[in-house]
Amino acid sequence: MLRLAFVFLTLLLALAGPARAERSEVERAARWADLRHAIFGDRQVTDAEDVVAIDVPARAEDAAIVPVAIRVAETQAPDIAGLYLVIDDNPSPLAAHFLFGPLADKREIATRVRIDDYTYLHAVAETTDGRLYSAARFVKAAGGCSAPAGKDQALALERLGKMKLTLADRTTPGAPVAAKLLVSHPNYAGLRMDQLSRNYIPADFLQTLEVSYNGSSVFRLESDISISEDPGFNFSFRPAGAGSPGVVTAEILDSNQRRYTQSWPVPAAPQM
């Protein structure tokens, strides 16, 4: 699980050299080397864009809501146990760790993130036997971690923890079910200033998200302040016993130890 100790560690790494859009490629490579060691220790991380890839805009329209998709090659997907998303120059770079359950379709998962400065994003895929494969993309964006909230605090707290799940039509029997989960949570990074009080809004963010189908895991997310306000998650799963209806359940734990759980029915798959 992502721990507060790692947040403080990475904040120290960030303060060791201020983020600059004009940072050289040598400096950026050194930054990734430091982060790679902080997260994975001495384990080898192999550059392998034929295994894992990142889909992200080269220049973000809104640095506070940047869409990111991580894709795994279909031939490699069965061997993947989890995915890491690292935003190198964010105050807390380890944005997300997705751990796949037995029902996950591991080929793609997507969300929205904050980006604080021109930076590389790294996706790292971990196999069931512990091998690590990475891909990188450079993004031009700035100020996403300290940008003003999209809605006022009162409205954000009123809707806190509400969720909505949308399922794609199931037209092919046995095919994975595509889903989009929307979560209402301000995901305060602790870097935004209240425009009235001029005080910083304390950090308050989604810490874990667990998605299951009929009690069997689809995925678990361990996240941090880099996930956007009111985040969305696009994923697919392969329901066991697809000929019968089932239930998808999502459970959230945030950094203030509040828990939210919601469930949705999944209709039976169409007959052949």
C-alpha atoms as a PDB file:
ATOM      1  CA  MET A   1       0.000   0.000   0.000  1.00  0.00           C
ATOM      2  CA  LEU A   2       1.196   3.535  -0.730  1.00  0.00           C
ATOM      3  CA  ARG A   3       2.284   5.012   2.543  1.00  0.00           C
ATOM      4  CA  LEU A   4       2.652   8.572   3.823  1.00  0.00           C
ATOM      5  CA  ALA A   5       6.357   7.877   4.351  1.00  0.00           C
ATOM      6  CA  PHE A   6       6.748   7.575   0.585  1.00  0.00           C
ATOM      7  CA  VAL A   7       4.952  10.897   0.095  1.00  0.00           C
ATOM      8  CA  PHE A   8       7.433  12.632   2.377  1.00  0.00           C
ATOM      9  CA  LEU A   9      10.352  10.863   0.703  1.00  0.00           C
ATOM     10  CA  THR A  10       9.306  11.975  -2.742  1.00  0.00           C
ATOM     11  CA  LEU A  11       8.592  15.507  -1.535  1.00  0.00           C
ATOM     12  CA  LEU A  12      12.193  15.621  -0.340  1.00  0.00           C
ATOM     13  CA  LEU A  13      13.344  14.364  -3.720  1.00  0.00           C
ATOM     14  CA  ALA A  14      11.298  17.088  -5.374  1.00  0.00           C
ATOM     15  CA  LEU A  15      12.775  19.777  -3.140  1.00  0.00           C
ATOM     16  CA  ALA A  16      16.315  18.568  -3.808  1.00  0.00           C
ATOM     17  CA  GLY A  17      16.138  20.196  -7.223  1.00  0.00           C
ATOM     18  CA  PRO A  18      13.268  22.523  -8.232  1.00  0.00           C
ATOM     19  CA  ALA A  19      11.171  21.358 -11.152  1.00  0.00           C
ATOM     20  CA  ARG A  20      11.966  23.349 -14.290  1.00  0.00           C
ATOM     21  CA  ALA A  21      10.463  23.137 -17.739  1.00  0.00           C
ATOM     22  CA  GLU A  22      13.971  23.672 -19.175  1.00  0.00           C
ATOM     23  CA  ARG A  23      15.508  20.733 -17.270  1.00  0.00           C
ATOM     24  CA  SER A  24      17.948  18.807 -19.453  1.00  0.00           C
ATOM     25  CA  GLU A  25      17.436  15.221 -20.547  1.00  0.00           C
ATOM     26  CA  VAL A  26      20.401  14.248 -18.376  1.00  0.00           C
ATOM     27  CA  GLU A  27      18.679  15.738 -15.322  1.00  0.00           C
ATOM     28  CA  ARG A  28      15.404  14.057 -16.226  1.00  0.00           C
ATOM     29  CA  ALA A  29      17.140  10.697 -16.579  1.00  0.00           C
ATOM     30  CA  ALA A  30      18.768  11.182 -13.171  1.00  0.00           C
ATOM     31  CA  ARG A  31      15.395  12.047 -11.664  1.00  0.00           C
ATOM     32  CA  TRP A  32      13.861   8.832 -13.030  1.00  0.00           C
ATOM     33  CA  ALA A  33      16.843   6.831 -11.764  1.00  0.00           C
ATOM     34  CA  ASP A  34      16.288   8.235  -8.246  1.00  0.00           C
ATOM     35  CA  LEU A  35      12.552   7.514  -8.342  1.00  0.00           C
ATOM     36  CA  ARG A  36      13.043   4.053  -9.813  1.00  0.00           C
ATOM     37  CA  HIS A  37      15.358   3.160  -6.944  1.00  0.00           C
ATOM     38  CA  ALA A  38      13.008   4.689  -4.333  1.00  0.00           C
ATOM     39  CA  ILE A  39      10.055   2.641  -5.620  1.00  0.00           C
ATOM     40  CA  PHE A  40      11.630  -0.604  -6.846  1.00  0.00           C
ATOM     41  CA  GLY A  41      14.942  -0.740  -5.007  1.00  0.00           C
ATOM     42  CA  ASP A  42      17.642  -2.629  -6.918  1.00  0.00           C
ATOM     43  CA  ARG A  43      15.189  -4.540  -9.115  1.00  0.00           C
ATOM     44  CA  GLN A  44      15.808  -4.251 -12.855  1.00  0.00           C
ATOM     45  CA  VAL A  45      13.293  -2.159 -14.795  1.00  0.00           C
ATOM     46  CA  THR A  46      13.492  -2.895 -18.529  1.00  0.00           C
ATOM     47  CA  ASP A  47      12.385  -0.381 -21.168  1.00  0.00           C
ATOM     48  CA  ALA A  48       9.861  -2.335 -23.221  1.00  0.00           C
ATOM     49  CA  GLU A  49       7.234  -0.399 -25.127  1.00  0.00           C
ATOM     50  CA  ASP A  50       6.261  -3.612 -26.878  1.00  0.00           C
ATOM     51  CA  VAL A  51       4.956  -4.799 -23.484  1.00  0.00           C
ATOM     52  CA  VAL A  52       3.463  -1.644 -21.928  1.00  0.00           C
ATOM     53  CA  ALA A  53       2.488   1.736 -23.383  1.00  0.00           C
ATOM     54  CA  ILE A  54       1.098   5.087 -22.191  1.00  0.00           C
ATOM     55  CA  ASP A  55      -1.531   7.087 -24.041  1.00  0.00           C
ATOM     56  CA  VAL A  56      -1.459  10.727 -22.845  1.00  0.00           C
ATOM     57  CA  PRO A  57      -1.680  14.113 -24.627  1.00  0.00           C
ATOM     58  CA  ALA A  58       1.686  15.639 -25.529  1.00  0.00           C
ATOM     59  CA  ARG A  59       0.336  18.981 -24.255  1.00  0.00           C
ATOM     60  CA  ALA A  60      -2.450  18.958 -21.669  1.00  0.00           C
ATOM     61  CA  GLU A  61      -5.485  21.176 -22.156  1.00  0.00           C
ATOM     62  CA  ASP A  62      -6.010  21.271 -18.387  1.00  0.00           C
ATOM     63  CA  ALA A  63      -3.102  20.227 -16.151  1.00  0.00           C
ATOM     64  CA  ALA A  64      -5.518  19.371 -13.332  1.00  0.00           C
ATOM     65  CA  ILE A  65      -7.447  16.816 -15.423  1.00  0.00           C
ATOM     66  CA  VAL A  66      -5.090  14.969 -17.750  1.00  0.00           C
ATOM     67  CA  PRO A  67      -6.418  11.701 -19.246  1.00  0.00           C
ATOM     68  CA  VAL A  68      -3.958   8.817 -19.051  1.00  0.00           C
ATOM     69  CA  ALA A  69      -4.401   5.268 -20.347  1.00  0.00           C
ATOM     70  CA  ILE A  70      -1.964   2.423 -19.731  1.00  0.00           C
ATOM     71  CA  ARG A  71      -2.057  -0.410 -22.224  1.00  0.00           C
ATOM     72  CA  VAL A  72      -0.507  -3.862 -22.105  1.00  0.00           C
ATOM     73  CA  ALA A  73       0.218  -5.992 -25.177  1.00  0.00           C
ATOM     74  CA  GLU A  74      -2.443  -8.670 -25.527  1.00  0.00           C
ATOM     75  CA  THR A  75       0.170 -11.424 -25.661  1.00  0.00           C
ATOM     76  CA  GLN A  76       1.694 -10.218 -22.382  1.00  0.00           C
ATOM     77  CA  ALA A  77      -1.512  -9.366 -20.492  1.00  0.00           C
ATOM     78  CA  PRO A  78      -2.060 -12.789 -18.824  1.00  0.00           C
ATOM     79  CA  ASP A  79       1.354 -12.504 -17.151  1.00  0.00           C
ATOM     80  CA  ILE A  80       0.791  -9.001 -15.710  1.00  0.00           C
ATOM     81  CA  ALA A  81       0.074  -8.722 -11.978  1.00  0.00           C
ATOM     82  CA  GLY A  82      -0.031  -4.932 -11.678  1.00  0.00           C
ATOM     83  CA  LEU A  83       0.758  -1.526 -13.138  1.00  0.00           C
ATOM     84  CA  TYR A  84       2.514   1.506 -11.652  1.00  0.00           C
ATOM     85  CA  LEU A  85       2.027   5.076 -12.882  1.00  0.00           C
ATOM     86  CA  VAL A  86       4.809   7.503 -11.984  1.00  0.00           C
ATOM     87  CA  ILE A  87       4.667  11.246 -12.752  1.00  0.00           C
ATOM     88  CA  ASP A  88       8.321  12.121 -12.340  1.00  0.00           C
ATOM     89  CA  ASP A  89       8.157  15.816 -11.428  1.00  0.00           C
ATOM     90  CA  ASN A  90       4.983  15.817  -9.346  1.00  0.00           C
ATOM     91  CA  PRO A  91       5.338  16.544  -5.608  1.00  0.00           C
ATOM     92  CA  SER A  92       4.295  12.929  -4.944  1.00  0.00           C
ATOM     93  CA  PRO A  93       5.402  11.078  -8.086  1.00  0.00           C
ATOM     94  CA  LEU A  94       3.916   7.616  -7.461  1.00  0.00           C
ATOM     95  CA  ALA A  95       0.424   8.443  -8.703  1.00  0.00           C
ATOM     96  CA  ALA A  96      -1.128   4.983  -8.851  1.00  0.00           C
ATOM     97  CA  HIS A  97      -0.504   1.286  -8.340  1.00  0.00           C
ATOM     98  CA  PHE A  98      -3.097  -1.005  -9.920  1.00  0.00           C
ATOM     99  CA  LEU A  99      -3.104  -4.601  -8.661  1.00  0.00           C
ATOM    100  CA  PHE A 100      -5.132  -6.918 -10.880  1.00  0.00           C
ATOM    101  CA  GLY A 101      -7.512  -9.542  -9.560  1.00  0.00           C
ATOM    102  CA  PRO A 102      -8.494 -12.787 -11.308  1.00  0.00           C
ATOM    103  CA  LEU A 103     -11.373 -11.175 -13.242  1.00  0.00           C
ATOM    104  CA  ALA A 104      -9.465  -8.203 -14.644  1.00  0.00           C
ATOM    105  CA  ASP A 105      -9.014  -7.622 -18.354  1.00  0.00           C
ATOM    106  CA  LYS A 106      -5.444  -6.369 -18.046  1.00  0.00           C
ATOM    107  CA  ARG A 107      -5.026  -4.948 -21.524  1.00  0.00           C
ATOM    108  CA  GLU A 108      -5.994  -1.366 -20.623  1.00  0.00           C
ATOM    109  CA  ILE A 109      -6.874   0.826 -17.658  1.00  0.00           C
ATOM    110  CA  ALA A 110      -7.358   4.598 -17.690  1.00  0.00           C
ATOM    111  CA  THR A 111      -7.852   7.476 -15.288  1.00  0.00           C
ATOM    112  CA  ARG A 112      -7.269  11.250 -14.936  1.00  0.00           C
ATOM    113  CA  VAL A 113      -4.309  12.828 -13.153  1.00  0.00           C
ATOM    114  CA  ARG A 114      -2.810  16.147 -12.109  1.00  0.00           C
ATOM    115  CA  ILE A 115       0.512  17.206 -13.609  1.00  0.00           C
ATOM    116  CA  ASP A 116       2.533  19.921 -11.881  1.00  0.00           C
ATOM    117  CA  ASP A 117       5.287  20.626 -14.416  1.00  0.00           C
ATOM    118  CA  TYR A 118       6.692  19.560 -17.766  1.00  0.00           C
ATOM    119  CA  THR A 119       7.553  15.959 -17.003  1.00  0.00           C
ATOM    120  CA  TYR A 120       7.926  12.372 -18.069  1.00  0.00           C
ATOM    121  CA  LEU A 121       5.245   9.878 -17.105  1.00  0.00           C
ATOM    122  CA  HIS A 122       6.420   6.314 -16.599  1.00  0.00           C
ATOM    123  CA  ALA A 123       4.200   3.244 -16.666  1.00  0.00           C
ATOM    124  CA  VAL A 124       5.735   0.118 -15.171  1.00  0.00           C
ATOM    125  CA  ALA A 125       4.153  -3.305 -15.645  1.00  0.00           C
ATOM    126  CA  GLU A 126       4.977  -6.002 -13.097  1.00  0.00           C
ATOM    127  CA  THR A 127       4.626  -9.650 -14.073  1.00  0.00           C
ATOM    128  CA  THR A 128       3.459 -12.452 -11.826  1.00  0.00           C
ATOM    129  CA  ASP A 129       7.064 -13.613 -11.485  1.00  0.00           C
ATOM    130  CA  GLY A 130       8.352 -10.142 -10.538  1.00  0.00           C
ATOM    131  CA  ARG A 131       9.797  -8.814 -13.802  1.00  0.00           C
ATOM    132  CA  LEU A 132       9.357  -5.062 -14.431  1.00  0.00           C
ATOM    133  CA  TYR A 133       8.815  -3.443 -17.847  1.00  0.00           C
ATOM    134  CA  SER A 134       8.459   0.301 -18.440  1.00  0.00           C
ATOM    135  CA  ALA A 135       7.384   2.886 -20.995  1.00  0.00           C
ATOM    136  CA  ALA A 136       7.636   6.683 -20.866  1.00  0.00           C
ATOM    137  CA  ARG A 137       5.909   9.698 -22.393  1.00  0.00           C
ATOM    138  CA  PHE A 138       6.735  13.393 -22.022  1.00  0.00           C
ATOM    139  CA  VAL A 139       3.890  15.805 -21.228  1.00  0.00           C
ATOM    140  CA  LYS A 140       3.837  19.586 -21.322  1.00  0.00           C
ATOM    141  CA  ALA A 141       1.628  20.712 -18.450  1.00  0.00           C
ATOM    142  CA  ALA A 142       2.055  22.841 -15.345  1.00  0.00           C
ATOM    143  CA  GLY A 143       0.253  23.843 -12.166  1.00  0.00           C
ATOM    144  CA  GLY A 144      -2.173  20.938 -11.953  1.00  0.00           C
ATOM    145  CA  CYS A 145      -1.461  20.089  -8.311  1.00  0.00           C
ATOM    146  CA  SER A 146      -2.151  23.620  -7.059  1.00  0.00           C
ATOM    147  CA  ALA A 147      -4.930  24.632  -9.481  1.00  0.00           C
ATOM    148  CA  PRO A 148      -8.198  25.881  -7.908  1.00  0.00           C
ATOM    149  CA  ALA A 149     -10.829  23.232  -7.257  1.00  0.00           C
ATOM    150  CA  GLY A 150     -13.529  22.770  -9.864  1.00  0.00           C
ATOM    151  CA  LYS A 151     -16.305  23.203  -7.299  1.00  0.00           C
ATOM    152  CA  ASP A 152     -16.543  24.903  -3.908  1.00  0.00           C
ATOM    153  CA  GLN A 153     -15.677  22.982  -0.756  1.00  0.00           C
ATOM    154  CA  ALA A 154     -19.261  22.813   0.511  1.00  0.00           C
ATOM    155  CA  LEU A 155     -20.502  21.225  -2.714  1.00  0.00           C
ATOM    156  CA  ALA A 156     -17.525  18.858  -2.816  1.00  0.00           C
ATOM    157  CA  LEU A 157     -18.243  17.647   0.730  1.00  0.00           C
ATOM    158  CA  GLU A 158     -21.948  17.290  -0.011  1.00  0.00           C
ATOM    159  CA  ARG A 159     -21.221  14.841  -2.838  1.00  0.00           C
ATOM    160  CA  LEU A 160     -18.262  13.151  -1.162  1.00  0.00           C
ATOM    161  CA  GLY A 161     -18.076   9.429  -1.880  1.00  0.00           C
ATOM    162  CA  LYS A 162     -20.898   9.235  -4.418  1.00  0.00           C
ATOM    163  CA  MET A 163     -20.140   6.950  -7.361  1.00  0.00           C
ATOM    164  CA  LYS A 164     -21.588   6.143 -10.778  1.00  0.00           C
ATOM    165  CA  LEU A 165     -20.866   3.059 -12.876  1.00  0.00           C
ATOM    166  CA  THR A 166     -21.597   2.821 -16.601  1.00  0.00           C
ATOM    167  CA  LEU A 167     -21.376  -0.514 -18.413  1.00  0.00           C
ATOM    168  CA  ALA A 168     -20.976  -0.875 -22.169  1.00  0.00           C
ATOM    169  CA  ASP A 169     -23.547  -2.953 -24.022  1.00  0.00           C
ATOM    170  CA  ARG A 170     -22.720  -6.652 -23.903  1.00  0.00           C
ATOM    171  CA  THR A 171     -23.154  -7.656 -27.518  1.00  0.00           C
ATOM    172  CA  THR A 172     -20.686 -10.557 -27.687  1.00  0.00           C
ATOM    173  CA  PRO A 173     -21.037 -13.540 -25.340  1.00  0.00           C
ATOM    174  CA  GLY A 174     -17.868 -14.228 -23.398  1.00  0.00           C
ATOM    175  CA  ALA A 175     -16.284 -10.866 -24.240  1.00  0.00           C
ATOM    176  CA  PRO A 176     -14.913  -8.612 -21.474  1.00  0.00           C
ATOM    177  CA  VAL A 177     -17.344  -6.082 -20.004  1.00  0.00           C
ATOM    178  CA  ALA A 178     -16.142  -2.476 -20.431  1.00  0.00           C
ATOM    179  CA  ALA A 179     -16.937  -0.176 -17.510  1.00  0.00           C
ATOM    180  CA  LYS A 180     -16.458   3.449 -16.464  1.00  0.00           C
ATOM    181  CA  LEU A 181     -16.510   4.339 -12.770  1.00  0.00           C
ATOM    182  CA  LEU A 182     -16.889   7.980 -11.717  1.00  0.00           C
ATOM    183  CA  VAL A 183     -16.060   8.937  -8.123  1.00  0.00           C
ATOM    184  CA  SER A 184     -17.052  12.199  -6.446  1.00  0.00           C
ATOM    185  CA  HIS A 185     -14.112  13.217  -4.285  1.00  0.00           C
ATOM    186  CA  PRO A 186     -12.180  16.528  -4.232  1.00  0.00           C
ATOM    187  CA  ASN A 187      -8.820  14.739  -3.948  1.00  0.00           C
ATOM    188  CA  TYR A 188      -7.226  17.788  -2.356  1.00  0.00           C
ATOM    189  CA  ALA A 189      -3.444  17.643  -2.748  1.00  0.00           C
ATOM    190  CA  GLY A 190      -2.690  19.975   0.147  1.00  0.00           C
ATOM    191  CA  LEU A 191      -1.226  22.509  -2.299  1.00  0.00           C
ATOM    192  CA  ARG A 192      -4.352  24.508  -3.135  1.00  0.00           C
ATOM    193  CA  MET A 193      -5.126  27.791  -1.447  1.00  0.00           C
ATOM    194  CA  ASP A 194      -8.608  28.701  -0.242  1.00  0.00           C
ATOM    195  CA  GLN A 195      -9.274  31.968  -2.062  1.00  0.00           C
ATOM    196  CA  LEU A 196     -11.296  33.356   0.876  1.00  0.00           C
ATOM    197  CA  SER A 197      -9.210  32.376   3.902  1.00  0.00           C
ATOM    198  CA  ARG A 198      -5.872  32.391   2.007  1.00  0.00           C
ATOM    199  CA  ASN A 199      -4.979  29.198   3.854  1.00  0.00           C
ATOM    200  CA  TYR A 200      -3.985  25.962   2.180  1.00  0.00           C
ATOM    201  CA  ILE A 201      -6.719  23.330   2.007  1.00  0.00           C
ATOM    202  CA  PRO A 202      -5.493  20.203   3.860  1.00  0.00           C
ATOM    203  CA  ALA A 203      -4.757  17.120   1.792  1.00  0.00           C
ATOM    204  CA  ASP A 204      -7.807  14.848   1.451  1.00  0.00           C
ATOM    205  CA  PHE A 205      -7.534  12.238  -1.258  1.00  0.00           C
ATOM    206  CA  LEU A 206      -8.654   8.812  -2.402  1.00  0.00           C
ATOM    207  CA  GLN A 207      -6.201   6.301  -0.939  1.00  0.00           C
ATOM    208  CA  THR A 208      -7.522   2.937  -2.109  1.00  0.00           C
ATOM    209  CA  LEU A 209     -10.239   1.766  -4.474  1.00  0.00           C
ATOM    210  CA  GLU A 210     -11.276  -1.886  -4.675  1.00  0.00           C
ATOM    211  CA  VAL A 211     -13.535  -3.125  -7.464  1.00  0.00           C
ATOM    212  CA  SER A 212     -15.012  -6.628  -7.395  1.00  0.00           C
ATOM    213  CA  TYR A 213     -17.591  -8.725  -9.246  1.00  0.00           C
ATOM    214  CA  ASN A 214     -19.686 -11.133  -7.181  1.00  0.00           C
ATOM    215  CA  GLY A 215     -17.069 -10.918  -4.445  1.00  0.00           C
ATOM    216  CA  SER A 216     -14.085 -11.724  -6.702  1.00  0.00           C
ATOM    217  CA  SER A 217     -11.479  -9.011  -7.291  1.00  0.00           C
ATOM    218  CA  VAL A 218     -11.262  -7.072 -10.533  1.00  0.00           C
ATOM    219  CA  PHE A 219      -8.564  -4.640  -9.366  1.00  0.00           C
ATOM    220  CA  ARG A 220      -7.278  -2.730  -6.376  1.00  0.00           C
ATOM    221  CA  LEU A 221      -5.915   0.799  -6.747  1.00  0.00           C
ATOM    222  CA  GLU A 222      -3.465   2.367  -4.299  1.00  0.00           C
ATOM    223  CA  SER A 223      -3.319   6.068  -5.113  1.00  0.00           C
ATOM    224  CA  ASP A 224      -2.142   9.456  -3.925  1.00  0.00           C
ATOM    225  CA  ILE A 225      -2.512  13.205  -4.472  1.00  0.00           C
ATOM    226  CA  SER A 226      -1.720  13.042  -8.197  1.00  0.00           C
ATOM    227  CA  ILE A 227      -5.123  11.561  -9.083  1.00  0.00           C
ATOM    228  CA  SER A 228      -7.496  14.296 -10.279  1.00  0.00           C
ATOM    229  CA  GLU A 229     -10.487  15.788  -8.560  1.00  0.00           C
ATOM    230  CA  ASP A 230     -13.622  13.655  -9.135  1.00  0.00           C
ATOM    231  CA  PRO A 231     -11.602  10.909 -10.811  1.00  0.00           C
ATOM    232  CA  GLY A 232     -12.841   8.469 -13.405  1.00  0.00           C
ATOM    233  CA  PHE A 233     -11.586   4.952 -14.084  1.00  0.00           C
ATOM    234  CA  ASN A 234     -12.066   3.044 -17.325  1.00  0.00           C
ATOM    235  CA  PHE A 235     -11.493  -0.702 -17.086  1.00  0.00           C
ATOM    236  CA  SER A 236     -12.830  -4.039 -18.300  1.00  0.00           C
ATOM    237  CA  PHE A 237     -13.477  -7.328 -16.555  1.00  0.00           C
ATOM    238  CA  ARG A 238     -14.354 -10.895 -17.448  1.00  0.00           C
ATOM    239  CA  PRO A 239     -17.276 -11.964 -15.247  1.00  0.00           C
ATOM    240  CA  ALA A 240     -17.237 -15.537 -14.020  1.00  0.00           C
ATOM    241  CA  GLY A 241     -20.503 -17.287 -14.812  1.00  0.00           C
ATOM    242  CA  ALA A 242     -21.243 -14.776 -17.560  1.00  0.00           C
ATOM    243  CA  GLY A 243     -24.555 -16.405 -18.356  1.00  0.00           C
ATOM    244  CA  SER A 244     -26.043 -15.150 -15.104  1.00  0.00           C
ATOM    245  CA  PRO A 245     -26.565 -11.635 -13.724  1.00  0.00           C
ATOM    246  CA  GLY A 246     -24.101 -10.378 -11.137  1.00  0.00           C
ATOM    247  CA  VAL A 247     -23.066  -7.391  -9.024  1.00  0.00           C
ATOM    248  CA  VAL A 248     -20.126  -5.000  -9.298  1.00  0.00           C
ATOM    249  CA  THR A 249     -19.029  -3.438  -5.997  1.00  0.00           C
ATOM    250  CA  ALA A 250     -16.652  -0.505  -5.487  1.00  0.00           C
ATOM    251  CA  GLU A 251     -15.205   0.359  -2.080  1.00  0.00           C
ATOM    252  CA  ILE A 252     -13.198   3.507  -1.356  1.00  0.00           C
ATOM    253  CA  LEU A 253     -10.952   4.392   1.569  1.00  0.00           C
ATOM    254  CA  ASP A 254      -9.682   7.980   1.621  1.00  0.00           C
ATOM    255  CA  SER A 255      -6.800   9.598   3.479  1.00  0.00           C
ATOM    256  CA  ASN A 256      -9.113  10.630   6.320  1.00  0.00           C
ATOM    257  CA  GLN A 257     -10.131   6.973   6.791  1.00  0.00           C
ATOM    258  CA  ARG A 258     -13.654   7.483   5.440  1.00  0.00           C
ATOM    259  CA  ARG A 259     -15.096   4.452   3.667  1.00  0.00           C
ATOM    260  CA  TYR A 260     -17.674   4.481   0.874  1.00  0.00           C
ATOM    261  CA  THR A 261     -19.195   1.424  -0.784  1.00  0.00           C
ATOM    262  CA  GLN A 262     -21.643   1.141  -3.657  1.00  0.00           C
ATOM    263  CA  SER A 263     -22.908  -1.753  -5.817  1.00  0.00           C
ATOM    264  CA  TRP A 264     -24.548  -2.037  -9.230  1.00  0.00           C
ATOM    265  CA  PRO A 265     -26.323  -4.948 -10.969  1.00  0.00           C
ATOM    266  CA  VAL A 266     -24.780  -6.460 -14.102  1.00  0.00           C
ATOM    267  CA  PRO A 267     -27.315  -8.081 -16.449  1.00  0.00           C
ATOM    268  CA  ALA A 268     -26.774 -11.558 -17.808  1.00  0.00           C
ATOM    269  CA  ALA A 269     -24.784 -11.902 -21.007  1.00  0.00           C
ATOM    270  CA  PRO A 270     -26.756 -12.295 -24.248  1.00  0.00           C
ATOM    271  CA  GLN A 271     -27.430 -15.846 -25.374  1.00  0.00           C
ATOM    272  CA  MET A 272     -25.686 -17.328 -28.389  1.00  0.00           C
END
